[in-house]
Amino acid sequence: MDDLPELGFYGLAGHSATPRDLIAEVAEGERLGLGSVFLSERFTTKEAAVLSGAAAAAGERIGIATAATNHNTRHPLLTATLATTMHRLSGGRFALGLGRGFDMLFDVMGLPRVTSAQMEDAIGILRRLWRGEAVAGHDGPAGNFPYLSQDPSFDEDIPIILTAMGERTLEFAGRVADGVVLHTFFTDETLARSVETIRRGAAEAGRDPASVRVWSVLATVGDHLDEELRLRKLVGRLATYLQGYGDLLVRVNGWDPAVLARFRADDLVSGYPGAFDVIGTAADLGHVAGLIPDEWLAASATGTPGECAARVLDQFDAGADGVILHGATPAELAPVLDAYRRVRPAGLAALPRNPGRAR
């Protein structure tokens, strides 16, 4: 079965109390030809370094990326060590994915909120350490570090991916990152505009815009799944995003903020004790489905496997280099992958296995 380096999936998509499931997911994903596994981090049972190591051991070809962890939750020397260890453990298949995270979460954790200046400073430190340099007397936005060093013999080429949504972060990512992971439930128009913004940021920094690998994230919920599972993966997932950072998602898509306000004011939503995609009952999800416009839910891949495959092609037409099929396990994606192979565009087989490399 031919590999599909242009396609990826999220390991343990959403919440998981059984992280060992990742081992089987990666093995199945590689068997089906999926090119990369992306690993989000949650402060329960989804620690990025542990999951990355498991993914490297479970597969021989599949690319691996954190998408994402945060630079401010680990000391930079630990993050550098995570990446160099994974780089060598995986035979060069690993990309370090970083993101801004959530201000309110960092507030309650007692951590500084993340800024672009901090991220750029932290990325610079990491790249110097990977080149075998010592970082001495550093006092910058990422912190004050008297002396940092890994190994003077190092000359590691480890890609950095940034997750991004807003225009300024997209431009920033184009300026400093090797790859960019966008967000689920972007409309095709938002995706095209985001790719353009990333490419512009790269060009303004004197970089080749094509050197930045851009991944769209497409919720893929085919009708070969049972109805309640589809409801959870689609309505539940979007409702959870609207709970957490709906203002940003609505703004970047140009959706009506009054609809978001009505969603949040709903009696069930306003007092809900957790994430809809985790604890929502069938009745809860059915109720929430009536609050979310079909237009918003249409920013996904649904229907028959063939219809889902056609939506993947739409992502390439909008400028993405790769598509992360989000919300489904590799086994659940198998019919979609079969349909996609029948319509797969030419010229994608040569893409690197490492999800942070464009060529």
Protein backbone atom coordinates (compact mmCIF):
# COMPACT_ATOMS: atom_id res chain seq x y z
CA MET A 1 0.00 0.00 0.00
CA ASP A 2 1.52 3.32 -1.09
CA ASP A 3 2.39 5.82 1.61
CA LEU A 4 0.56 9.15 1.65
CA PRO A 5 3.05 11.65 3.12
CA GLU A 6 0.59 14.49 2.45
CA LEU A 7 -1.92 13.10 4.96
CA GLY A 8 -1.74 12.91 8.74
CA PHE A 9 -3.92 12.15 11.72
CA TYR A 10 -4.10 13.15 15.37
CA GLY A 11 -3.10 10.41 17.76
CA LEU A 12 -5.58 9.95 20.62
CA ALA A 13 -7.78 12.63 19.06
CA GLY A 14 -9.51 14.69 21.73
CA HIS A 15 -9.34 13.33 25.25
CA SER A 16 -8.09 9.85 26.17
CA ALA A 17 -7.72 7.97 29.43
CA THR A 18 -5.88 5.12 27.70
CA PRO A 19 -2.71 6.52 26.12
CA ARG A 20 -1.51 3.02 25.28
CA ASP A 21 -4.06 3.10 22.44
CA LEU A 22 -1.58 5.32 20.60
CA ILE A 23 0.70 2.35 19.91
CA ALA A 24 -1.99 0.51 17.94
CA GLU A 25 -3.11 3.73 16.23
CA VAL A 26 0.38 4.50 14.95
CA ALA A 27 0.93 0.95 13.75
CA GLU A 28 -2.42 0.97 11.93
CA GLY A 29 -1.84 4.45 10.55
CA GLU A 30 1.50 3.39 9.10
CA ARG A 31 -0.03 0.21 7.67
CA LEU A 32 -2.71 2.29 5.93
CA GLY A 33 -0.07 4.67 4.55
CA LEU A 34 -0.80 7.77 6.59
CA GLY A 35 2.25 10.01 6.48
CA SER A 36 2.37 11.59 9.93
CA VAL A 37 0.91 11.41 13.40
CA PHE A 38 0.35 14.68 15.28
CA LEU A 39 0.27 14.67 19.07
CA SER A 40 -1.59 17.28 21.07
CA GLU A 41 -0.86 17.71 24.76
CA ARG A 42 -3.32 17.75 27.63
CA PHE A 43 -2.31 17.90 31.27
CA THR A 44 -3.92 14.56 32.16
CA THR A 45 -2.67 11.48 30.30
CA LYS A 46 -1.31 13.09 27.12
CA GLU A 47 2.23 14.30 27.86
CA ALA A 48 3.91 15.13 24.56
CA ALA A 49 7.37 13.67 25.17
CA VAL A 50 6.04 10.30 26.35
CA LEU A 51 3.60 10.04 23.44
CA SER A 52 6.30 11.01 20.94
CA GLY A 53 8.60 8.26 22.17
CA ALA A 54 5.80 5.72 21.94
CA ALA A 55 5.00 6.82 18.40
CA ALA A 56 8.64 6.50 17.34
CA ALA A 57 8.77 2.95 18.71
CA ALA A 58 5.43 1.95 17.18
CA GLY A 59 6.31 2.90 13.59
CA GLU A 60 9.29 2.78 11.27
CA ARG A 61 8.26 5.26 8.55
CA ILE A 62 5.59 7.56 9.92
CA GLY A 63 6.44 11.19 10.68
CA ILE A 64 5.84 12.52 14.20
CA ALA A 65 5.08 16.02 15.46
CA THR A 66 3.93 17.58 18.68
CA ALA A 67 1.01 19.78 17.72
CA ALA A 68 1.38 21.26 20.05
CA THR A 69 3.27 21.67 23.26
CA ASN A 70 4.20 25.02 24.84
CA HIS A 71 7.65 26.48 25.27
CA ASN A 72 6.80 27.93 28.70
CA THR A 73 5.84 24.64 30.40
CA ARG A 74 9.37 23.20 30.23
CA HIS A 75 12.82 24.61 30.73
CA PRO A 76 14.37 25.28 27.29
CA LEU A 77 17.14 22.78 27.96
CA LEU A 78 14.54 20.09 28.62
CA THR A 79 12.65 21.00 25.45
CA ALA A 80 15.87 20.93 23.44
CA THR A 81 16.68 17.53 24.91
CA LEU A 82 13.19 16.23 24.14
CA ALA A 83 13.69 17.19 20.51
CA THR A 84 17.24 15.88 20.06
CA THR A 85 16.31 12.61 21.73
CA MET A 86 13.26 12.22 19.49
CA HIS A 87 15.22 13.28 16.41
CA ARG A 88 17.73 10.47 16.91
CA LEU A 89 15.24 7.94 18.29
CA SER A 90 13.03 8.36 15.22
CA GLY A 91 15.78 8.54 12.64
CA GLY A 92 14.93 12.13 11.72
CA ARG A 93 11.14 11.75 11.54
CA PHE A 94 10.36 14.21 14.36
CA ALA A 95 9.28 17.86 14.25
CA LEU A 96 8.85 19.94 17.39
CA GLY A 97 5.47 21.65 17.28
CA LEU A 98 4.86 24.65 19.54
CA GLY A 99 1.77 26.73 20.20
CA ARG A 100 0.60 29.72 22.19
CA GLY A 101 -1.72 27.79 24.47
CA PHE A 102 -4.44 29.44 26.54
CA ASP A 103 -3.97 32.56 28.64
CA MET A 104 -6.50 31.56 31.31
CA LEU A 105 -4.87 28.16 31.78
CA PHE A 106 -1.43 29.73 32.19
CA ASP A 107 -2.88 32.25 34.64
CA VAL A 108 -4.13 29.52 36.97
CA MET A 109 -0.91 27.52 36.50
CA GLY A 110 1.14 30.53 37.53
CA LEU A 111 2.97 30.67 34.18
CA PRO A 112 3.55 33.74 32.02
CA ARG A 113 1.24 34.23 29.08
CA VAL A 114 2.91 33.42 25.77
CA THR A 115 3.91 36.19 23.37
CA SER A 116 5.42 36.07 19.91
CA ALA A 117 8.58 37.66 21.27
CA GLN A 118 8.93 34.85 23.83
CA MET A 119 8.36 32.18 21.20
CA GLU A 120 10.87 33.68 18.78
CA ASP A 121 13.44 33.97 21.55
CA ALA A 122 12.82 30.38 22.69
CA ILE A 123 13.08 29.07 19.11
CA GLY A 124 16.38 30.87 18.71
CA ILE A 125 17.72 29.26 21.89
CA LEU A 126 16.62 25.79 20.76
CA ARG A 127 18.20 26.12 17.35
CA ARG A 128 21.49 27.31 18.86
CA LEU A 129 21.57 24.35 21.24
CA TRP A 130 20.84 21.95 18.38
CA ARG A 131 23.79 23.43 16.47
CA GLY A 132 26.06 22.59 19.40
CA GLU A 133 26.37 26.17 20.62
CA ALA A 134 26.46 27.25 24.23
CA VAL A 135 23.95 29.92 25.24
CA ALA A 136 25.66 32.10 27.85
CA GLY A 137 24.35 35.12 29.73
CA HIS A 138 21.04 35.09 27.92
CA ASP A 139 18.49 37.66 29.10
CA GLY A 140 15.56 37.90 26.72
CA PRO A 141 11.79 37.54 26.42
CA ALA A 142 11.98 33.76 27.00
CA GLY A 143 13.86 34.19 30.27
CA ASN A 144 17.19 34.72 31.95
CA PHE A 145 19.57 31.78 31.46
CA PRO A 146 23.16 32.09 32.73
CA TYR A 147 24.43 29.08 30.79
CA LEU A 148 22.77 26.46 28.57
CA SER A 149 24.53 23.76 26.60
CA GLN A 150 23.81 20.32 25.23
CA ASP A 151 26.77 18.90 23.31
CA PRO A 152 29.32 20.86 21.27
CA SER A 153 29.37 18.05 18.69
CA PHE A 154 25.67 18.51 17.90
CA ASP A 155 24.59 19.68 14.46
CA GLU A 156 20.96 18.61 14.52
CA ASP A 157 18.51 19.75 11.85
CA ILE A 158 15.17 19.57 13.67
CA PRO A 159 12.16 21.31 12.12
CA ILE A 160 9.92 23.53 14.21
CA ILE A 161 6.20 23.66 13.55
CA LEU A 162 3.89 26.33 14.94
CA THR A 163 0.15 26.02 15.41
CA ALA A 164 -1.57 29.23 14.36
CA MET A 165 -4.99 30.81 13.88
CA GLY A 166 -4.93 34.61 13.94
CA GLU A 167 -3.39 36.75 11.21
CA ARG A 168 -0.46 38.05 13.25
CA THR A 169 0.45 34.57 14.46
CA LEU A 170 0.19 33.23 10.91
CA GLU A 171 2.58 35.92 9.64
CA PHE A 172 4.91 35.21 12.54
CA ALA A 173 4.85 31.50 11.77
CA GLY A 174 5.76 32.19 8.16
CA ARG A 175 8.68 34.25 9.38
CA VAL A 176 10.23 31.79 11.86
CA ALA A 177 8.83 28.27 11.45
CA ASP A 178 9.53 25.34 9.15
CA GLY A 179 5.91 24.23 9.19
CA VAL A 180 2.50 25.46 10.28
CA VAL A 181 -0.52 23.53 11.56
CA LEU A 182 -3.77 25.45 11.16
CA HIS A 183 -7.03 24.74 12.99
CA THR A 184 -10.06 22.56 12.59
CA PHE A 185 -13.24 24.10 11.18
CA PHE A 186 -11.54 26.64 8.94
CA THR A 187 -13.69 27.43 5.93
CA ASP A 188 -12.05 26.99 2.53
CA GLU A 189 -11.83 30.77 2.21
CA THR A 190 -10.18 31.08 5.63
CA LEU A 191 -7.74 28.33 4.72
CA ALA A 192 -6.74 30.04 1.47
CA ARG A 193 -6.31 33.37 3.26
CA SER A 194 -4.27 31.75 6.02
CA VAL A 195 -1.91 30.08 3.56
CA GLU A 196 -1.45 33.40 1.78
CA THR A 197 -0.67 35.12 5.09
CA ILE A 198 1.93 32.49 6.01
CA ARG A 199 3.59 32.75 2.61
CA ARG A 200 3.63 36.55 2.89
CA GLY A 201 5.26 36.39 6.31
CA ALA A 202 7.96 34.11 4.93
CA ALA A 203 8.60 36.33 1.90
CA GLU A 204 8.83 39.47 4.02
CA ALA A 205 11.47 37.72 6.14
CA GLY A 206 13.51 36.93 3.02
CA ARG A 207 12.60 33.25 3.08
CA ASP A 208 11.33 31.07 0.26
CA PRO A 209 7.55 30.95 0.91
CA ALA A 210 7.41 27.40 -0.44
CA SER A 211 9.89 26.27 2.23
CA VAL A 212 7.16 26.41 4.91
CA ARG A 213 4.99 23.30 4.96
CA VAL A 214 1.38 24.21 5.74
CA TRP A 215 -1.02 21.63 7.18
CA SER A 216 -4.76 22.15 7.20
CA VAL A 217 -6.78 20.31 9.84
CA LEU A 218 -9.97 18.77 8.47
CA ALA A 219 -12.53 17.19 10.78
CA THR A 220 -13.28 13.96 8.92
CA VAL A 221 -16.48 12.32 10.06
CA GLY A 222 -17.87 10.03 7.37
CA ASP A 223 -21.32 8.51 7.39
CA HIS A 224 -19.79 5.04 7.70
CA LEU A 225 -19.57 5.86 11.43
CA ASP A 226 -22.60 5.45 13.66
CA GLU A 227 -24.82 8.45 14.22
CA GLU A 228 -24.00 9.16 17.85
CA LEU A 229 -20.27 8.92 17.19
CA ARG A 230 -20.61 11.31 14.25
CA LEU A 231 -22.52 13.73 16.46
CA ARG A 232 -19.79 13.64 19.11
CA LYS A 233 -16.92 14.00 16.65
CA LEU A 234 -18.53 16.83 14.70
CA VAL A 235 -21.05 18.79 16.80
CA GLY A 236 -19.36 17.92 20.08
CA ARG A 237 -15.93 18.92 18.83
CA LEU A 238 -17.03 22.25 17.34
CA ALA A 239 -19.10 23.04 20.44
CA THR A 240 -16.03 22.39 22.60
CA TYR A 241 -13.97 24.80 20.51
CA LEU A 242 -16.72 27.41 20.78
CA GLN A 243 -16.68 26.94 24.56
CA GLY A 244 -12.93 27.53 24.77
CA TYR A 245 -12.00 30.10 22.14
CA GLY A 246 -15.07 30.70 20.06
CA ASP A 247 -14.41 34.42 19.62
CA LEU A 248 -11.19 33.78 17.69
CA LEU A 249 -12.62 30.98 15.56
CA VAL A 250 -15.69 33.04 14.69
CA ARG A 251 -13.58 36.07 13.87
CA VAL A 252 -11.12 34.32 11.56
CA ASN A 253 -13.97 32.61 9.68
CA GLY A 254 -16.03 35.78 9.39
CA TRP A 255 -18.99 34.08 11.08
CA ASP A 256 -21.77 35.98 12.85
CA PRO A 257 -20.73 36.71 16.47
CA ALA A 258 -24.41 37.01 17.43
CA VAL A 259 -24.78 33.28 16.81
CA LEU A 260 -21.89 32.62 19.18
CA ALA A 261 -23.48 34.87 21.78
CA ARG A 262 -26.76 32.93 21.54
CA PHE A 263 -24.83 29.65 21.81
CA ARG A 264 -23.08 30.79 24.98
CA ALA A 265 -26.27 32.20 26.51
CA ASP A 266 -28.13 28.91 26.11
CA ASP A 267 -29.05 27.43 29.51
CA LEU A 268 -27.36 24.09 28.81
CA VAL A 269 -24.19 25.63 27.39
CA SER A 270 -23.71 28.37 29.98
CA GLY A 271 -23.72 25.99 32.91
CA TYR A 272 -22.11 22.99 31.26
CA PRO A 273 -19.57 21.28 33.56
CA GLY A 274 -17.08 20.13 30.91
CA ALA A 275 -16.26 19.65 27.26
CA PHE A 276 -19.13 18.54 25.05
CA ASP A 277 -16.96 16.13 23.05
CA VAL A 278 -16.02 14.34 26.27
CA ILE A 279 -19.04 14.24 28.58
CA GLY A 280 -21.90 15.23 26.29
CA THR A 281 -24.80 12.80 26.22
CA ALA A 282 -26.68 12.07 23.02
CA ALA A 283 -29.43 14.41 24.25
CA ASP A 284 -26.93 17.16 25.06
CA LEU A 285 -25.29 16.89 21.65
CA GLY A 286 -28.64 16.85 19.89
CA HIS A 287 -29.60 20.04 21.71
CA VAL A 288 -26.31 21.75 20.85
CA ALA A 289 -26.66 20.73 17.20
CA GLY A 290 -29.68 23.00 17.03
CA LEU A 291 -27.58 25.96 18.16
CA ILE A 292 -24.82 25.64 15.54
CA PRO A 293 -25.50 26.68 11.93
CA ASP A 294 -25.06 24.07 9.21
CA GLU A 295 -22.70 26.53 7.51
CA TRP A 296 -20.29 26.27 10.45
CA LEU A 297 -20.42 22.48 10.54
CA ALA A 298 -19.82 22.38 6.77
CA ALA A 299 -16.17 23.35 7.35
CA SER A 300 -15.39 19.63 7.61
CA ALA A 301 -15.46 16.38 5.63
CA THR A 302 -18.73 14.47 5.95
CA GLY A 303 -20.87 12.10 3.90
CA THR A 304 -19.68 9.11 1.95
CA PRO A 305 -15.99 8.18 1.85
CA GLY A 306 -15.89 9.62 -1.68
CA GLU A 307 -17.39 12.90 -0.51
CA CYS A 308 -14.85 13.05 2.33
CA ALA A 309 -12.03 12.43 -0.15
CA ALA A 310 -13.33 15.27 -2.32
CA ARG A 311 -13.15 17.61 0.67
CA VAL A 312 -9.50 16.63 1.12
CA LEU A 313 -8.86 17.77 -2.45
CA ASP A 314 -10.53 21.09 -1.60
CA GLN A 315 -7.82 21.65 1.04
CA PHE A 316 -5.08 21.28 -1.57
CA ASP A 317 -6.98 23.58 -3.94
CA ALA A 318 -6.98 26.19 -1.15
CA GLY A 319 -3.18 25.99 -0.90
CA ALA A 320 -2.45 23.48 1.88
CA ASP A 321 0.61 21.24 1.49
CA GLY A 322 -0.81 18.56 3.76
CA VAL A 323 -4.09 17.63 5.41
CA ILE A 324 -4.53 16.29 8.93
CA LEU A 325 -7.68 14.14 9.00
CA HIS A 326 -8.86 15.06 12.46
CA GLY A 327 -11.23 13.41 14.91
CA ALA A 328 -10.98 9.84 13.64
CA THR A 329 -8.68 6.92 14.29
CA PRO A 330 -6.75 5.40 11.37
CA ALA A 331 -9.14 2.44 11.35
CA GLU A 332 -12.09 4.83 11.07
CA LEU A 333 -10.33 6.62 8.21
CA ALA A 334 -9.68 3.48 6.16
CA PRO A 335 -12.69 3.85 3.80
CA VAL A 336 -11.81 7.52 3.21
CA LEU A 337 -8.21 6.62 2.39
CA ASP A 338 -9.39 4.02 -0.12
CA ALA A 339 -11.56 6.64 -1.82
CA TYR A 340 -8.79 9.25 -1.68
CA ARG A 341 -6.31 6.99 -3.44
CA ARG A 342 -8.65 6.92 -6.44
CA VAL A 343 -8.56 10.71 -6.81
CA ARG A 344 -5.14 11.52 -5.33
CA PRO A 345 -3.36 14.40 -7.09
CA ALA A 346 -0.07 13.65 -8.79
CA GLY A 347 3.27 14.79 -7.42
CA LEU A 348 2.70 14.30 -3.71
CA ALA A 349 4.58 11.06 -3.17
CA ALA A 350 7.93 12.84 -2.98
CA LEU A 351 7.01 14.91 0.09
CA PRO A 352 9.33 14.25 3.07
CA ARG A 353 8.18 11.91 5.83
CA ASN A 354 9.07 14.52 8.43
CA PRO A 355 5.96 16.73 8.73
CA GLY A 356 8.09 19.82 9.33
CA ARG A 357 9.96 19.64 6.05
CA ALA A 358 8.57 21.00 2.79
CA ARG A 359 11.19 19.37 0.58
